[in-house]
Amino acid sequence: MPVKNEPMPLPADPADSEDFTVTAEALDRGQRARLIRKTRTGLGLSQAEFATRFRVPVGTLRDWEQARATAPDFAIAYVRVIGLHPEMVAKAVA
């Protein structure tokens, strides 16, 4: 029986042999990873280039993009600003 206040996992679709059960936390971590990766690739930057330009440790960036670690809220806000104003942010942190 689930513990109160613990999110229920999202069950796999039995009609899809490649689907799997996932927790809400893992889904959130994956969505954050996708935002970061899409922002970086949209700028045409490698992980090393993005990390250097925006002063993010490359190992941390890699962990966030591969969803091995959950990017904190402040990092998501930073990435969103980078996506909107990449040159301004690069200049500000240079």
PDB file of N, CA and C in Angstrom:
ATOM      1  N   MET A   1       0.844  -1.191   0.000  1.00  0.00           N
ATOM      2  CA  MET A   1       0.000   0.000   0.000  1.00  0.00           C
ATOM      3  C   MET A   1       0.883   1.247   0.000  1.00  0.00           C
ATOM      4  N   PRO A   2       0.581   2.253  -0.861  1.00  0.00           N
ATOM      5  CA  PRO A   2       1.418   3.449  -0.940  1.00  0.00           C
ATOM      6  C   PRO A   2       1.386   4.263   0.346  1.00  0.00           C
ATOM      7  N   VAL A   3       2.500   4.917   0.617  1.00  0.00           N
ATOM      8  CA  VAL A   3       2.604   5.800   1.765  1.00  0.00           C
ATOM      9  C   VAL A   3       1.936   7.121   1.397  1.00  0.00           C
ATOM     10  N   LYS A   4       1.258   7.748   2.372  1.00  0.00           N
ATOM     11  CA  LYS A   4       0.632   9.049   2.118  1.00  0.00           C
ATOM     12  C   LYS A   4       1.678  10.057   1.688  1.00  0.00           C
ATOM     13  N   ASN A   5       1.288  10.945   0.771  1.00  0.00           N
ATOM     14  CA  ASN A   5       2.135  12.008   0.241  1.00  0.00           C
ATOM     15  C   ASN A   5       3.268  11.505  -0.652  1.00  0.00           C
ATOM     16  N   GLU A   6       3.335  10.211  -0.904  1.00  0.00           N
ATOM     17  CA  GLU A   6       4.343   9.691  -1.824  1.00  0.00           C
ATOM     18  C   GLU A   6       3.697   9.578  -3.197  1.00  0.00           C
ATOM     19  N   PRO A   7       4.305  10.179  -4.231  1.00  0.00           N
ATOM     20  CA  PRO A   7       3.678  10.147  -5.545  1.00  0.00           C
ATOM     21  C   PRO A   7       3.570   8.722  -6.076  1.00  0.00           C
ATOM     22  N   MET A   8       2.462   8.451  -6.730  1.00  0.00           N
ATOM     23  CA  MET A   8       2.239   7.147  -7.340  1.00  0.00           C
ATOM     24  C   MET A   8       3.034   7.070  -8.639  1.00  0.00           C
ATOM     25  N   PRO A   9       3.625   5.920  -8.919  1.00  0.00           N
ATOM     26  CA  PRO A   9       4.312   5.789 -10.201  1.00  0.00           C
ATOM     27  C   PRO A   9       3.306   5.788 -11.347  1.00  0.00           C
ATOM     28  N   LEU A  10       3.756   6.246 -12.508  1.00  0.00           N
ATOM     29  CA  LEU A  10       2.926   6.206 -13.698  1.00  0.00           C
ATOM     30  C   LEU A  10       3.135   4.841 -14.327  1.00  0.00           C
ATOM     31  N   PRO A  11       2.075   4.034 -14.397  1.00  0.00           N
ATOM     32  CA  PRO A  11       2.256   2.654 -14.870  1.00  0.00           C
ATOM     33  C   PRO A  11       2.558   2.588 -16.359  1.00  0.00           C
ATOM     34  N   ALA A  12       3.242   1.530 -16.724  1.00  0.00           N
ATOM     35  CA  ALA A  12       3.546   1.278 -18.133  1.00  0.00           C
ATOM     36  C   ALA A  12       2.261   0.980 -18.884  1.00  0.00           C
ATOM     37  N   ASP A  13       2.265   1.301 -20.165  1.00  0.00           N
ATOM     38  CA  ASP A  13       1.142   0.994 -21.051  1.00  0.00           C
ATOM     39  C   ASP A  13       1.274  -0.476 -21.452  1.00  0.00           C
ATOM     40  N   PRO A  14       0.342  -1.330 -21.038  1.00  0.00           N
ATOM     41  CA  PRO A  14       0.465  -2.754 -21.361  1.00  0.00           C
ATOM     42  C   PRO A  14       0.429  -3.035 -22.868  1.00  0.00           C
ATOM     43  N   ALA A  15      -0.108  -2.102 -23.644  1.00  0.00           N
ATOM     44  CA  ALA A  15      -0.174  -2.286 -25.096  1.00  0.00           C
ATOM     45  C   ALA A  15       1.142  -1.915 -25.782  1.00  0.00           C
ATOM     46  N   ASP A  16       2.073  -1.340 -25.041  1.00  0.00           N
ATOM     47  CA  ASP A  16       3.352  -0.902 -25.609  1.00  0.00           C
ATOM     48  C   ASP A  16       4.480  -1.695 -24.958  1.00  0.00           C
ATOM     49  N   SER A  17       5.079  -2.604 -25.713  1.00  0.00           N
ATOM     50  CA  SER A  17       6.111  -3.480 -25.151  1.00  0.00           C
ATOM     51  C   SER A  17       7.379  -2.725 -24.733  1.00  0.00           C
ATOM     52  N   GLU A  18       7.558  -1.498 -25.236  1.00  0.00           N
ATOM     53  CA  GLU A  18       8.752  -0.728 -24.883  1.00  0.00           C
ATOM     54  C   GLU A  18       8.509   0.291 -23.783  1.00  0.00           C
ATOM     55  N   ASP A  19       7.273   0.416 -23.325  1.00  0.00           N
ATOM     56  CA  ASP A  19       6.946   1.372 -22.271  1.00  0.00           C
ATOM     57  C   ASP A  19       7.353   0.778 -20.925  1.00  0.00           C
ATOM     58  N   PHE A  20       7.546   1.639 -19.931  1.00  0.00           N
ATOM     59  CA  PHE A  20       7.917   1.172 -18.601  1.00  0.00           C
ATOM     60  C   PHE A  20       7.311   2.093 -17.555  1.00  0.00           C
ATOM     61  N   THR A  21       7.186   1.590 -16.357  1.00  0.00           N
ATOM     62  CA  THR A  21       6.657   2.357 -15.243  1.00  0.00           C
ATOM     63  C   THR A  21       7.672   3.419 -14.849  1.00  0.00           C
ATOM     64  N   VAL A  22       7.179   4.616 -14.542  1.00  0.00           N
ATOM     65  CA  VAL A  22       8.074   5.709 -14.174  1.00  0.00           C
ATOM     66  C   VAL A  22       7.437   6.509 -13.038  1.00  0.00           C
ATOM     67  N   THR A  23       8.286   7.017 -12.160  1.00  0.00           N
ATOM     68  CA  THR A  23       7.787   7.860 -11.077  1.00  0.00           C
ATOM     69  C   THR A  23       7.645   9.293 -11.597  1.00  0.00           C
ATOM     70  N   ALA A  24       6.846  10.071 -10.926  1.00  0.00           N
ATOM     71  CA  ALA A  24       6.685  11.482 -11.296  1.00  0.00           C
ATOM     72  C   ALA A  24       8.023  12.211 -11.177  1.00  0.00           C
ATOM     73  N   GLU A  25       8.827  11.838 -10.197  1.00  0.00           N
ATOM     74  CA  GLU A  25      10.149  12.456 -10.009  1.00  0.00           C
ATOM     75  C   GLU A  25      11.057  12.166 -11.211  1.00  0.00           C
ATOM     76  N   ALA A  26      11.053  10.937 -11.682  1.00  0.00           N
ATOM     77  CA  ALA A  26      11.882  10.576 -12.842  1.00  0.00           C
ATOM     78  C   ALA A  26      11.391  11.286 -14.099  1.00  0.00           C
ATOM     79  N   LEU A  27      10.087  11.425 -14.227  1.00  0.00           N
ATOM     80  CA  LEU A  27       9.535  12.134 -15.380  1.00  0.00           C
ATOM     81  C   LEU A  27       9.964  13.602 -15.355  1.00  0.00           C
ATOM     82  N   ASP A  28       9.901  14.231 -14.186  1.00  0.00           N
ATOM     83  CA  ASP A  28      10.332  15.622 -14.046  1.00  0.00           C
ATOM     84  C   ASP A  28      11.816  15.759 -14.371  1.00  0.00           C
ATOM     85  N   ARG A  29      12.626  14.833 -13.864  1.00  0.00           N
ATOM     86  CA  ARG A  29      14.066  14.866 -14.138  1.00  0.00           C
ATOM     87  C   ARG A  29      14.321  14.748 -15.640  1.00  0.00           C
ATOM     88  N   GLY A  30      13.581  13.885 -16.323  1.00  0.00           N
ATOM     89  CA  GLY A  30      13.718  13.719 -17.762  1.00  0.00           C
ATOM     90  C   GLY A  30      13.309  14.955 -18.543  1.00  0.00           C
ATOM     91  N   GLN A  31      12.250  15.617 -18.096  1.00  0.00           N
ATOM     92  CA  GLN A  31      11.800  16.835 -18.774  1.00  0.00           C
ATOM     93  C   GLN A  31      12.813  17.960 -18.594  1.00  0.00           C
ATOM     94  N   ARG A  32      13.413  18.042 -17.430  1.00  0.00           N
ATOM     95  CA  ARG A  32      14.452  19.044 -17.186  1.00  0.00           C
ATOM     96  C   ARG A  32      15.666  18.757 -18.064  1.00  0.00           C
ATOM     97  N   ALA A  33      16.037  17.479 -18.164  1.00  0.00           N
ATOM     98  CA  ALA A  33      17.165  17.080 -19.000  1.00  0.00           C
ATOM     99  C   ALA A  33      16.912  17.470 -20.453  1.00  0.00           C
ATOM    100  N   ARG A  34      15.716  17.241 -20.923  1.00  0.00           N
ATOM    101  CA  ARG A  34      15.368  17.560 -22.308  1.00  0.00           C
ATOM    102  C   ARG A  34      15.458  19.062 -22.569  1.00  0.00           C
ATOM    103  N   LEU A  35      14.964  19.878 -21.638  1.00  0.00           N
ATOM    104  CA  LEU A  35      15.035  21.331 -21.796  1.00  0.00           C
ATOM    105  C   LEU A  35      16.491  21.789 -21.916  1.00  0.00           C
ATOM    106  N   ILE A  36      17.336  21.274 -21.066  1.00  0.00           N
ATOM    107  CA  ILE A  36      18.743  21.672 -21.078  1.00  0.00           C
ATOM    108  C   ILE A  36      19.397  21.243 -22.394  1.00  0.00           C
ATOM    109  N   ARG A  37      19.192  20.002 -22.779  1.00  0.00           N
ATOM    110  CA  ARG A  37      19.791  19.478 -24.018  1.00  0.00           C
ATOM    111  C   ARG A  37      19.288  20.236 -25.246  1.00  0.00           C
ATOM    112  N   LYS A  38      17.972  20.503 -25.297  1.00  0.00           N
ATOM    113  CA  LYS A  38      17.409  21.231 -26.442  1.00  0.00           C
ATOM    114  C   LYS A  38      17.938  22.661 -26.508  1.00  0.00           C
ATOM    115  N   THR A  39      18.107  23.288 -25.367  1.00  0.00           N
ATOM    116  CA  THR A  39      18.653  24.647 -25.343  1.00  0.00           C
ATOM    117  C   THR A  39      20.077  24.645 -25.873  1.00  0.00           C
ATOM    118  N   ARG A  40      20.886  23.720 -25.368  1.00  0.00           N
ATOM    119  CA  ARG A  40      22.287  23.647 -25.803  1.00  0.00           C
ATOM    120  C   ARG A  40      22.401  23.332 -27.289  1.00  0.00           C
ATOM    121  N   THR A  41      21.696  22.311 -27.739  1.00  0.00           N
ATOM    122  CA  THR A  41      21.800  21.933 -29.153  1.00  0.00           C
ATOM    123  C   THR A  41      21.183  22.997 -30.053  1.00  0.00           C
ATOM    124  N   GLY A  42      20.164  23.695 -29.567  1.00  0.00           N
ATOM    125  CA  GLY A  42      19.567  24.783 -30.336  1.00  0.00           C
ATOM    126  C   GLY A  42      20.544  25.920 -30.571  1.00  0.00           C
ATOM    127  N   LEU A  43      21.501  26.056 -29.670  1.00  0.00           N
ATOM    128  CA  LEU A  43      22.543  27.076 -29.826  1.00  0.00           C
ATOM    129  C   LEU A  43      23.718  26.548 -30.643  1.00  0.00           C
ATOM    130  N   GLY A  44      23.654  25.270 -31.000  1.00  0.00           N
ATOM    131  CA  GLY A  44      24.720  24.675 -31.797  1.00  0.00           C
ATOM    132  C   GLY A  44      26.004  24.453 -31.034  1.00  0.00           C
ATOM    133  N   LEU A  45      25.901  24.250 -29.725  1.00  0.00           N
ATOM    134  CA  LEU A  45      27.089  24.110 -28.885  1.00  0.00           C
ATOM    135  C   LEU A  45      27.258  22.677 -28.390  1.00  0.00           C
ATOM    136  N   SER A  46      28.504  22.245 -28.294  1.00  0.00           N
ATOM    137  CA  SER A  46      28.800  20.964 -27.645  1.00  0.00           C
ATOM    138  C   SER A  46      28.628  21.158 -26.135  1.00  0.00           C
ATOM    139  N   GLN A  47      28.642  20.061 -25.398  1.00  0.00           N
ATOM    140  CA  GLN A  47      28.552  20.189 -23.944  1.00  0.00           C
ATOM    141  C   GLN A  47      29.727  21.005 -23.402  1.00  0.00           C
ATOM    142  N   ALA A  48      30.916  20.743 -23.915  1.00  0.00           N
ATOM    143  CA  ALA A  48      32.098  21.475 -23.440  1.00  0.00           C
ATOM    144  C   ALA A  48      31.997  22.961 -23.767  1.00  0.00           C
ATOM    145  N   GLU A  49      31.524  23.287 -24.962  1.00  0.00           N
ATOM    146  CA  GLU A  49      31.389  24.693 -25.357  1.00  0.00           C
ATOM    147  C   GLU A  49      30.334  25.406 -24.499  1.00  0.00           C
ATOM    148  N   PHE A  50      29.201  24.762 -24.297  1.00  0.00           N
ATOM    149  CA  PHE A  50      28.137  25.351 -23.484  1.00  0.00           C
ATOM    150  C   PHE A  50      28.637  25.564 -22.056  1.00  0.00           C
ATOM    151  N   ALA A  51      29.286  24.544 -21.511  1.00  0.00           N
ATOM    152  CA  ALA A  51      29.792  24.616 -20.137  1.00  0.00           C
ATOM    153  C   ALA A  51      30.775  25.763 -19.966  1.00  0.00           C
ATOM    154  N   THR A  52      31.691  25.897 -20.922  1.00  0.00           N
ATOM    155  CA  THR A  52      32.680  26.971 -20.841  1.00  0.00           C
ATOM    156  C   THR A  52      32.020  28.335 -20.999  1.00  0.00           C
ATOM    157  N   ARG A  53      31.175  28.478 -21.999  1.00  0.00           N
ATOM    158  CA  ARG A  53      30.556  29.776 -22.292  1.00  0.00           C
ATOM    159  C   ARG A  53      29.686  30.263 -21.135  1.00  0.00           C
ATOM    160  N   PHE A  54      28.939  29.344 -20.491  1.00  0.00           N
ATOM    161  CA  PHE A  54      27.975  29.763 -19.474  1.00  0.00           C
ATOM    162  C   PHE A  54      28.386  29.375 -18.056  1.00  0.00           C
ATOM    163  N   ARG A  55      29.651  28.977 -17.901  1.00  0.00           N
ATOM    164  CA  ARG A  55      30.234  28.705 -16.580  1.00  0.00           C
ATOM    165  C   ARG A  55      29.467  27.644 -15.784  1.00  0.00           C
ATOM    166  N   VAL A  56      29.214  26.527 -16.438  1.00  0.00           N
ATOM    167  CA  VAL A  56      28.580  25.381 -15.791  1.00  0.00           C
ATOM    168  C   VAL A  56      29.594  24.241 -15.837  1.00  0.00           C
ATOM    169  N   PRO A  57      29.882  23.584 -14.728  1.00  0.00           N
ATOM    170  CA  PRO A  57      30.827  22.463 -14.794  1.00  0.00           C
ATOM    171  C   PRO A  57      30.338  21.424 -15.809  1.00  0.00           C
ATOM    172  N   VAL A  58      31.215  21.007 -16.701  1.00  0.00           N
ATOM    173  CA  VAL A  58      30.808  20.100 -17.778  1.00  0.00           C
ATOM    174  C   VAL A  58      30.269  18.777 -17.232  1.00  0.00           C
ATOM    175  N   GLY A  59      30.817  18.274 -16.153  1.00  0.00           N
ATOM    176  CA  GLY A  59      30.304  17.035 -15.547  1.00  0.00           C
ATOM    177  C   GLY A  59      28.896  17.200 -15.019  1.00  0.00           C
ATOM    178  N   THR A  60      28.625  18.356 -14.445  1.00  0.00           N
ATOM    179  CA  THR A  60      27.275  18.653 -13.942  1.00  0.00           C
ATOM    180  C   THR A  60      26.301  18.746 -15.102  1.00  0.00           C
ATOM    181  N   LEU A  61      26.702  19.458 -16.150  1.00  0.00           N
ATOM    182  CA  LEU A  61      25.858  19.582 -17.337  1.00  0.00           C
ATOM    183  C   LEU A  61      25.552  18.198 -17.912  1.00  0.00           C
ATOM    184  N   ARG A  62      26.568  17.375 -18.026  1.00  0.00           N
ATOM    185  CA  ARG A  62      26.395  16.017 -18.565  1.00  0.00           C
ATOM    186  C   ARG A  62      25.409  15.222 -17.696  1.00  0.00           C
ATOM    187  N   ASP A  63      25.571  15.295 -16.384  1.00  0.00           N
ATOM    188  CA  ASP A  63      24.661  14.574 -15.479  1.00  0.00           C
ATOM    189  C   ASP A  63      23.231  15.067 -15.624  1.00  0.00           C
ATOM    190  N   TRP A  64      23.042  16.369 -15.768  1.00  0.00           N
ATOM    191  CA  TRP A  64      21.692  16.916 -15.942  1.00  0.00           C
ATOM    192  C   TRP A  64      21.101  16.458 -17.267  1.00  0.00           C
ATOM    193  N   GLU A  65      21.884  16.541 -18.349  1.00  0.00           N
ATOM    194  CA  GLU A  65      21.372  16.170 -19.670  1.00  0.00           C
ATOM    195  C   GLU A  65      21.054  14.691 -19.773  1.00  0.00           C
ATOM    196  N   GLN A  66      21.789  13.864 -19.081  1.00  0.00           N
ATOM    197  CA  GLN A  66      21.555  12.419 -19.135  1.00  0.00           C
ATOM    198  C   GLN A  66      20.615  11.966 -18.028  1.00  0.00           C
ATOM    199  N   ALA A  67      20.039  12.931 -17.308  1.00  0.00           N
ATOM    200  CA  ALA A  67      19.062  12.681 -16.238  1.00  0.00           C
ATOM    201  C   ALA A  67      19.618  11.776 -15.138  1.00  0.00           C
ATOM    202  N   ARG A  68      20.936  11.809 -14.946  1.00  0.00           N
ATOM    203  CA  ARG A  68      21.528  11.082 -13.820  1.00  0.00           C
ATOM    204  C   ARG A  68      21.344  11.874 -12.535  1.00  0.00           C
ATOM    205  N   ALA A  69      21.191  13.191 -12.690  1.00  0.00           N
ATOM    206  CA  ALA A  69      20.930  14.082 -11.558  1.00  0.00           C
ATOM    207  C   ALA A  69      19.835  15.054 -11.985  1.00  0.00           C
ATOM    208  N   THR A  70      19.067  15.512 -11.021  1.00  0.00           N
ATOM    209  CA  THR A  70      17.994  16.463 -11.307  1.00  0.00           C
ATOM    210  C   THR A  70      18.543  17.880 -11.235  1.00  0.00           C
ATOM    211  N   ALA A  71      18.420  18.608 -12.337  1.00  0.00           N
ATOM    212  CA  ALA A  71      18.840  20.011 -12.333  1.00  0.00           C
ATOM    213  C   ALA A  71      17.936  20.790 -11.384  1.00  0.00           C
ATOM    214  N   PRO A  72      18.508  21.558 -10.445  1.00  0.00           N
ATOM    215  CA  PRO A  72      17.683  22.323  -9.506  1.00  0.00           C
ATOM    216  C   PRO A  72      16.937  23.454 -10.216  1.00  0.00           C
ATOM    217  N   ASP A  73      15.936  23.981  -9.534  1.00  0.00           N
ATOM    218  CA  ASP A  73      15.095  25.041 -10.104  1.00  0.00           C
ATOM    219  C   ASP A  73      15.916  26.230 -10.605  1.00  0.00           C
ATOM    220  N   PHE A  74      16.937  26.652  -9.849  1.00  0.00           N
ATOM    221  CA  PHE A  74      17.721  27.812 -10.281  1.00  0.00           C
ATOM    222  C   PHE A  74      18.434  27.519 -11.592  1.00  0.00           C
ATOM    223  N   ALA A  75      18.880  26.289 -11.797  1.00  0.00           N
ATOM    224  CA  ALA A  75      19.567  25.924 -13.038  1.00  0.00           C
ATOM    225  C   ALA A  75      18.600  25.947 -14.214  1.00  0.00           C
ATOM    226  N   ILE A  76      17.383  25.490 -13.994  1.00  0.00           N
ATOM    227  CA  ILE A  76      16.368  25.522 -15.053  1.00  0.00           C
ATOM    228  C   ILE A  76      16.064  26.970 -15.422  1.00  0.00           C
ATOM    229  N   ALA A  77      15.948  27.839 -14.424  1.00  0.00           N
ATOM    230  CA  ALA A  77      15.708  29.263 -14.703  1.00  0.00           C
ATOM    231  C   ALA A  77      16.881  29.844 -15.498  1.00  0.00           C
ATOM    232  N   TYR A  78      18.112  29.498 -15.124  1.00  0.00           N
ATOM    233  CA  TYR A  78      19.300  29.975 -15.819  1.00  0.00           C
ATOM    234  C   TYR A  78      19.298  29.515 -17.276  1.00  0.00           C
ATOM    235  N   VAL A  79      18.981  28.257 -17.499  1.00  0.00           N
ATOM    236  CA  VAL A  79      18.951  27.716 -18.860  1.00  0.00           C
ATOM    237  C   VAL A  79      17.866  28.401 -19.689  1.00  0.00           C
ATOM    238  N   ARG A  80      16.732  28.691 -19.086  1.00  0.00           N
ATOM    239  CA  ARG A  80      15.674  29.401 -19.821  1.00  0.00           C
ATOM    240  C   ARG A  80      16.132  30.801 -20.237  1.00  0.00           C
ATOM    241  N   VAL A  81      16.847  31.492 -19.352  1.00  0.00           N
ATOM    242  CA  VAL A  81      17.365  32.818 -19.693  1.00  0.00           C
ATOM    243  C   VAL A  81      18.414  32.688 -20.792  1.00  0.00           C
ATOM    244  N   ILE A  82      19.271  31.689 -20.702  1.00  0.00           N
ATOM    245  CA  ILE A  82      20.261  31.443 -21.753  1.00  0.00           C
ATOM    246  C   ILE A  82      19.558  31.234 -23.093  1.00  0.00           C
ATOM    247  N   GLY A  83      18.481  30.459 -23.080  1.00  0.00           N
ATOM    248  CA  GLY A  83      17.743  30.201 -24.311  1.00  0.00           C
ATOM    249  C   GLY A  83      17.172  31.459 -24.935  1.00  0.00           C
ATOM    250  N   LEU A  84      16.784  32.415 -24.102  1.00  0.00           N
ATOM    251  CA  LEU A  84      16.207  33.673 -24.591  1.00  0.00           C
ATOM    252  C   LEU A  84      17.259  34.703 -24.978  1.00  0.00           C
ATOM    253  N   HIS A  85      18.344  34.760 -24.215  1.00  0.00           N
ATOM    254  CA  HIS A  85      19.357  35.809 -24.393  1.00  0.00           C
ATOM    255  C   HIS A  85      20.772  35.242 -24.273  1.00  0.00           C
ATOM    256  N   PRO A  86      21.160  34.331 -25.149  1.00  0.00           N
ATOM    257  CA  PRO A  86      22.461  33.670 -24.989  1.00  0.00           C
ATOM    258  C   PRO A  86      23.657  34.618 -25.027  1.00  0.00           C
ATOM    259  N   GLU A  87      23.629  35.593 -25.895  1.00  0.00           N
ATOM    260  CA  GLU A  87      24.780  36.505 -25.995  1.00  0.00           C
ATOM    261  C   GLU A  87      24.888  37.392 -24.759  1.00  0.00           C
ATOM    262  N   MET A  88      23.752  37.867 -24.266  1.00  0.00           N
ATOM    263  CA  MET A  88      23.752  38.704 -23.067  1.00  0.00           C
ATOM    264  C   MET A  88      24.283  37.931 -21.877  1.00  0.00           C
ATOM    265  N   VAL A  89      23.844  36.679 -21.717  1.00  0.00           N
ATOM    266  CA  VAL A  89      24.309  35.864 -20.591  1.00  0.00           C
ATOM    267  C   VAL A  89      25.796  35.571 -20.728  1.00  0.00           C
ATOM    268  N   ALA A  90      26.239  35.199 -21.932  1.00  0.00           N
ATOM    269  CA  ALA A  90      27.663  34.915 -22.139  1.00  0.00           C
ATOM    270  C   ALA A  90      28.512  36.135 -21.796  1.00  0.00           C
ATOM    271  N   LYS A  91      28.051  37.297 -22.196  1.00  0.00           N
ATOM    272  CA  LYS A  91      28.777  38.542 -21.895  1.00  0.00           C
ATOM    273  C   LYS A  91      28.788  38.823 -20.400  1.00  0.00           C
ATOM    274  N   ALA A  92      27.654  38.563 -19.741  1.00  0.00           N
ATOM    275  CA  ALA A  92      27.544  38.835 -18.302  1.00  0.00           C
ATOM    276  C   ALA A  92      28.453  37.927 -17.465  1.00  0.00           C
ATOM    277  N   VAL A  93      28.654  36.715 -17.904  1.00  0.00           N
ATOM    278  CA  VAL A  93      29.464  35.780 -17.102  1.00  0.00           C
ATOM    279  C   VAL A  93      30.920  35.709 -17.567  1.00  0.00           C
ATOM    280  N   ALA A  94      31.257  36.435 -18.625  1.00  0.00           N
ATOM    281  CA  ALA A  94      32.642  36.421 -19.155  1.00  0.00           C
ATOM    282  C   ALA A  94      33.602  37.131 -18.217  1.00  0.00           C
TER     283      ALA A  94
END
